[in-house]
Amino acid sequence: MKAFHEQLYPGFSQLLDVTECLIEKQSLFQRIQIFETPVFGRVLALDGAVQITEQDNHIYHEMLVHVPMFAHGNVKDVLIVGGGDGGSLKEALKHPVDSVTMVELDGEVIDLARRFFPDVSDNAFQDDRADVLVDDAYSYLAEEKRHFDLILVDSTDPVGVAAPLFTREFYQRCFRRLRSSGMIVVQSGLPPFRTEATEIKAKPFMSVFGQLQKYVAPVPSYPMGMIGLNGASMSGDSLSPCVDSIRHRIDKQPITTRYYRPETHKAAFDLLRGGEL
């Protein structure tokens, strides 16, 4: 493989030069590719879509995790749906949480990520607060009785095996497992490519949570260099409090990040105010 061609949307594709193909296999659930590139370093792709790269995965993971965690201010128990690369797990464990439960469908993704992307998880899988389950999150939430302060849906796009994670039934299960002050954030695709069809897919989320707090993160390896995220708060609180409030919470609970700052937290929402990109 000399090049990786990714086309997720009609009329637009991107091509990455490949210097070495490390893994190309079919798991029980999806096609897994890991390869080296001159621009983004090592890349993980699932079913033909880039998931993470060595160069910019931290932006996605930090914005998915720290935005709701600092907006909430007192997260103790976290549920991560998907997230087999361990990046979201690592970021969540930077906070003084009691537990982080990760439910990943494809155990091969976990194994290969730990082997080829060790810095992404950075030993998070060994943390005593981490409970990593290889299971179907859709079914797991139907049986789980615990409640969480934060649910992060760190899944692939809403096709194939991930499609049930974008349904009204799934969001209802998340709703029932959130505490009264709980928050949820889900990845929602790429804002420049949002169409009538993609907006329809947001309706189940709105119908359950009654709100849709949108923000974005710049991830250069994704098509058009951006990822959209949708959030909601059970209490109706904003996921985007004022910068001073965010800064105060960070001062009380300092963590090390490469991209996330109080200013980037606020800007992620401001970029969408006044109209969609």
Protein backbone atom coordinates (compact mmCIF):
# COMPACT_ATOMS: atom_id res chain seq x y z
CA MET A 1 0.00 0.00 0.00
CA LYS A 2 1.64 3.21 -1.21
CA ALA A 3 -1.25 5.49 -0.36
CA PHE A 4 -4.38 5.51 1.79
CA HIS A 5 -7.47 6.89 0.07
CA GLU A 6 -10.28 8.00 2.37
CA GLN A 7 -13.68 9.05 1.06
CA LEU A 8 -16.38 9.48 3.68
CA TYR A 9 -18.50 12.06 1.83
CA PRO A 10 -19.61 12.44 -1.79
CA GLY A 11 -17.44 14.80 -3.76
CA PHE A 12 -14.57 14.93 -1.27
CA SER A 13 -11.71 12.60 -0.47
CA GLN A 14 -8.22 12.77 0.94
CA LEU A 15 -5.06 10.85 0.14
CA LEU A 16 -2.28 10.06 2.60
CA ASP A 17 1.12 8.85 1.41
CA VAL A 18 2.06 5.60 3.15
CA THR A 19 5.68 4.75 3.90
CA GLU A 20 4.99 1.40 5.57
CA CYS A 21 1.94 -0.77 6.14
CA LEU A 22 2.14 -2.36 9.60
CA ILE A 23 -1.23 -4.09 9.97
CA GLU A 24 -4.08 -4.80 7.59
CA LYS A 25 -6.66 -7.29 8.82
CA GLN A 26 -10.35 -7.97 9.29
CA SER A 27 -11.51 -8.36 12.87
CA LEU A 28 -14.89 -9.82 13.78
CA PHE A 29 -16.38 -6.35 13.41
CA GLN A 30 -14.32 -4.14 11.09
CA ARG A 31 -11.30 -3.75 8.84
CA ILE A 32 -8.25 -2.56 10.79
CA GLN A 33 -5.32 -0.79 9.14
CA ILE A 34 -2.23 0.65 10.83
CA PHE A 35 0.37 2.37 8.69
CA GLU A 36 3.16 4.95 8.73
CA THR A 37 2.86 8.32 6.98
CA PRO A 38 5.36 11.16 6.50
CA VAL A 39 2.97 13.86 7.77
CA PHE A 40 0.92 12.32 10.60
CA GLY A 41 3.24 9.54 11.72
CA ARG A 42 1.50 6.30 12.59
CA VAL A 43 -2.19 6.10 11.67
CA LEU A 44 -5.06 3.83 12.76
CA ALA A 45 -7.94 3.46 10.31
CA LEU A 46 -11.13 1.45 10.78
CA ASP A 47 -13.28 0.50 7.81
CA GLY A 48 -11.42 2.97 5.64
CA ALA A 49 -11.74 5.97 7.98
CA VAL A 50 -8.89 7.57 9.92
CA GLN A 51 -9.47 7.23 13.67
CA ILE A 52 -6.26 8.49 15.26
CA THR A 53 -2.77 9.56 14.28
CA GLU A 54 0.34 10.03 16.37
CA GLN A 55 0.49 13.68 15.35
CA ASP A 56 -2.94 15.01 16.34
CA ASN A 57 -4.93 12.46 18.36
CA HIS A 58 -4.39 14.52 21.52
CA ILE A 59 -6.56 17.35 20.17
CA TYR A 60 -9.59 15.12 19.70
CA HIS A 61 -9.17 13.29 22.99
CA GLU A 62 -8.54 16.42 25.07
CA MET A 63 -11.54 18.26 23.64
CA LEU A 64 -13.87 15.27 23.94
CA VAL A 65 -12.94 14.72 27.59
CA HIS A 66 -11.84 17.96 29.27
CA VAL A 67 -14.62 20.17 27.91
CA PRO A 68 -17.41 18.33 29.76
CA MET A 69 -15.23 17.44 32.76
CA PHE A 70 -14.29 21.05 33.50
CA ALA A 71 -17.79 22.26 32.59
CA HIS A 72 -19.21 19.83 35.17
CA GLY A 73 -16.56 20.48 37.80
CA ASN A 74 -17.09 17.40 39.97
CA VAL A 75 -17.02 14.26 37.83
CA LYS A 76 -16.41 11.10 39.83
CA ASP A 77 -17.63 8.27 37.60
CA VAL A 78 -17.16 8.19 33.83
CA LEU A 79 -18.43 5.82 31.15
CA ILE A 80 -16.61 5.73 27.81
CA VAL A 81 -18.44 4.04 24.95
CA GLY A 82 -15.83 2.82 22.46
CA GLY A 83 -12.47 4.52 22.77
CA GLY A 84 -10.44 1.35 22.20
CA ASP A 85 -7.24 3.31 21.52
CA GLY A 86 -7.20 4.39 25.18
CA GLY A 87 -6.76 8.11 24.52
CA SER A 88 -10.01 9.19 26.14
CA LEU A 89 -9.31 6.84 29.03
CA LYS A 90 -5.94 8.50 29.59
CA GLU A 91 -7.41 12.01 29.56
CA ALA A 92 -10.28 11.13 31.92
CA LEU A 93 -7.86 9.59 34.40
CA LYS A 94 -5.95 12.87 34.66
CA HIS A 95 -8.87 14.04 36.83
CA PRO A 96 -9.50 12.94 40.45
CA VAL A 97 -12.21 10.48 39.43
CA ASP A 98 -13.27 7.39 41.33
CA SER A 99 -13.81 5.22 38.26
CA VAL A 100 -13.66 5.21 34.48
CA THR A 101 -15.49 2.36 32.76
CA MET A 102 -14.64 1.80 29.10
CA VAL A 103 -16.85 -0.47 26.99
CA GLU A 104 -15.24 -1.31 23.64
CA LEU A 105 -16.83 -3.71 21.18
CA ASP A 106 -13.66 -4.80 19.38
CA GLY A 107 -10.97 -6.26 21.62
CA GLU A 108 -8.52 -6.38 18.70
CA VAL A 109 -8.56 -2.58 18.52
CA ILE A 110 -7.51 -2.40 22.17
CA ASP A 111 -4.72 -4.96 21.69
CA LEU A 112 -3.35 -3.36 18.53
CA ALA A 113 -3.56 0.17 19.92
CA ARG A 114 -1.62 -0.85 23.02
CA ARG A 115 1.00 -2.47 20.78
CA PHE A 116 1.36 0.20 18.09
CA PHE A 117 0.21 3.37 19.89
CA PRO A 118 1.46 2.99 23.48
CA ASP A 119 1.82 6.74 24.02
CA VAL A 120 -1.86 7.34 23.22
CA SER A 121 -3.02 5.46 26.33
CA ASP A 122 0.22 5.93 28.30
CA ASN A 123 -0.43 3.05 30.74
CA ALA A 124 -4.03 4.15 31.38
CA PHE A 125 -5.17 0.55 31.00
CA GLN A 126 -3.15 -0.33 34.11
CA ASP A 127 -4.73 2.36 36.29
CA ASP A 128 -6.64 0.88 39.24
CA ARG A 129 -9.56 3.24 38.55
CA ALA A 130 -10.00 1.90 35.01
CA ASP A 131 -12.47 -0.89 34.25
CA VAL A 132 -12.05 -1.98 30.63
CA LEU A 133 -14.76 -4.22 29.20
CA VAL A 134 -14.88 -5.85 25.78
CA ASP A 135 -18.60 -5.76 25.22
CA ASP A 136 -21.44 -4.25 23.19
CA ALA A 137 -22.20 -0.90 24.86
CA TYR A 138 -25.76 -0.93 23.53
CA SER A 139 -26.47 -4.14 25.44
CA TYR A 140 -24.28 -3.17 28.39
CA LEU A 141 -26.32 -0.04 29.08
CA ALA A 142 -29.53 -2.06 29.07
CA GLU A 143 -28.21 -4.17 31.97
CA GLU A 144 -25.99 -1.74 33.91
CA LYS A 145 -27.49 -0.39 37.14
CA ARG A 146 -24.81 2.13 38.15
CA HIS A 147 -25.07 5.83 37.46
CA PHE A 148 -22.41 8.07 35.93
CA ASP A 149 -21.53 11.75 36.03
CA LEU A 150 -20.30 11.72 32.45
CA ILE A 151 -20.84 9.52 29.40
CA LEU A 152 -18.47 9.93 26.45
CA VAL A 153 -19.44 8.26 23.18
CA ASP A 154 -16.04 7.85 21.50
CA SER A 155 -17.21 5.69 18.64
CA THR A 156 -16.72 5.37 14.92
CA ASP A 157 -19.20 7.05 12.54
CA PRO A 158 -22.90 6.05 12.66
CA VAL A 159 -22.67 3.24 10.12
CA GLY A 160 -22.08 -0.48 10.44
CA VAL A 161 -21.44 -1.78 13.95
CA ALA A 162 -21.65 1.73 15.46
CA ALA A 163 -25.09 2.55 14.01
CA PRO A 164 -27.04 1.46 17.16
CA LEU A 165 -25.05 4.02 19.20
CA PHE A 166 -26.81 6.89 17.43
CA THR A 167 -30.40 5.79 18.00
CA ARG A 168 -33.11 7.11 20.31
CA GLU A 169 -33.09 3.80 22.19
CA PHE A 170 -29.37 4.08 22.92
CA TYR A 171 -29.67 7.68 24.11
CA GLN A 172 -32.55 6.69 26.36
CA ARG A 173 -30.31 4.09 27.95
CA CYS A 174 -27.62 6.74 28.46
CA PHE A 175 -30.22 9.11 29.95
CA ARG A 176 -31.25 6.53 32.53
CA ARG A 177 -27.66 5.96 33.61
CA LEU A 178 -26.75 9.62 34.11
CA ARG A 179 -26.96 11.32 37.49
CA SER A 180 -29.13 14.43 37.89
CA SER A 181 -26.11 16.67 37.20
CA GLY A 182 -24.63 14.37 34.58
CA MET A 183 -23.37 15.27 31.11
CA ILE A 184 -22.97 13.43 27.82
CA VAL A 185 -20.81 14.18 24.77
CA VAL A 186 -20.85 12.28 21.48
CA GLN A 187 -18.75 12.69 18.36
CA SER A 188 -20.96 14.01 15.59
CA GLY A 189 -19.00 13.95 12.36
CA LEU A 190 -17.55 16.81 10.37
CA PRO A 191 -19.32 20.21 10.41
CA PRO A 192 -18.44 21.19 6.80
CA PHE A 193 -20.21 18.05 5.60
CA ARG A 194 -23.34 18.31 7.71
CA THR A 195 -26.30 17.78 5.42
CA GLU A 196 -30.01 17.35 5.92
CA ALA A 197 -29.36 13.63 6.39
CA THR A 198 -26.75 14.19 9.12
CA GLU A 199 -28.98 16.69 10.90
CA ILE A 200 -31.76 14.08 10.93
CA LYS A 201 -29.34 11.79 12.79
CA ALA A 202 -29.10 14.42 15.55
CA LYS A 203 -32.85 14.32 16.18
CA PRO A 204 -32.77 11.20 18.41
CA PHE A 205 -30.28 12.98 20.69
CA MET A 206 -32.49 16.08 20.84
CA SER A 207 -35.63 14.04 21.45
CA VAL A 208 -34.08 12.43 24.55
CA PHE A 209 -32.00 15.22 26.07
CA GLY A 210 -34.02 18.24 24.87
CA GLN A 211 -30.88 20.17 23.96
CA LEU A 212 -27.92 20.06 21.62
CA GLN A 213 -24.79 21.89 22.73
CA LYS A 214 -22.46 21.81 19.73
CA TYR A 215 -18.75 22.47 19.62
CA VAL A 216 -15.81 21.67 17.35
CA ALA A 217 -12.16 20.64 17.54
CA PRO A 218 -9.52 21.12 14.83
CA VAL A 219 -8.04 17.73 13.95
CA PRO A 220 -5.88 18.08 10.81
CA SER A 221 -5.97 14.39 9.85
CA TYR A 222 -9.79 14.37 9.60
CA PRO A 223 -11.45 15.50 6.34
CA MET A 224 -11.45 19.32 6.22
CA GLY A 225 -9.46 19.28 9.46
CA MET A 226 -12.34 19.37 11.91
CA ILE A 227 -14.54 17.18 14.13
CA GLY A 228 -17.92 18.12 15.57
CA LEU A 229 -19.10 17.13 19.05
CA ASN A 230 -22.60 17.24 20.54
CA GLY A 231 -23.24 17.54 24.25
CA ALA A 232 -26.03 17.83 26.78
CA SER A 233 -26.39 18.40 30.52
CA MET A 234 -29.07 16.73 32.62
CA SER A 235 -29.30 19.86 34.78
CA GLY A 236 -29.40 22.22 31.80
CA ASP A 237 -25.99 23.70 32.66
CA SER A 238 -23.86 25.01 29.83
CA LEU A 239 -20.92 22.97 28.64
CA SER A 240 -19.34 26.34 27.92
CA PRO A 241 -19.19 28.38 31.15
CA CYS A 242 -17.26 31.65 31.18
CA VAL A 243 -13.48 31.48 30.76
CA ASP A 244 -12.91 32.68 34.33
CA SER A 245 -14.97 29.78 35.72
CA ILE A 246 -13.05 27.28 33.63
CA ARG A 247 -9.74 28.82 34.64
CA HIS A 248 -10.71 28.71 38.30
CA ARG A 249 -11.52 24.99 38.06
CA ILE A 250 -8.25 24.26 36.28
CA ASP A 251 -6.30 26.23 38.90
CA LYS A 252 -7.87 24.04 41.61
CA GLN A 253 -7.20 20.87 39.65
CA PRO A 254 -4.19 21.39 37.34
CA ILE A 255 -3.63 18.84 34.60
CA THR A 256 -1.14 18.59 31.75
CA THR A 257 -2.55 19.09 28.26
CA ARG A 258 -1.05 19.88 24.88
CA TYR A 259 -4.02 21.63 23.24
CA TYR A 260 -6.85 22.15 25.72
CA ARG A 261 -6.92 25.53 27.51
CA PRO A 262 -9.73 27.66 28.98
CA GLU A 263 -9.57 29.79 25.85
CA THR A 264 -9.81 26.83 23.46
CA HIS A 265 -12.71 25.48 25.52
CA LYS A 266 -14.69 28.68 24.96
CA ALA A 267 -13.58 29.12 21.34
CA ALA A 268 -14.79 25.62 20.46
CA PHE A 269 -18.37 26.83 21.03
CA ASP A 270 -17.89 30.39 19.77
CA LEU A 271 -16.84 29.09 16.34
CA LEU A 272 -20.36 27.74 15.82
CA ARG A 273 -22.28 30.71 17.20
CA GLY A 274 -23.95 32.77 14.51
CA GLY A 275 -24.24 29.88 12.08
CA GLU A 276 -22.87 26.53 11.05
CA LEU A 277 -19.51 26.27 9.34
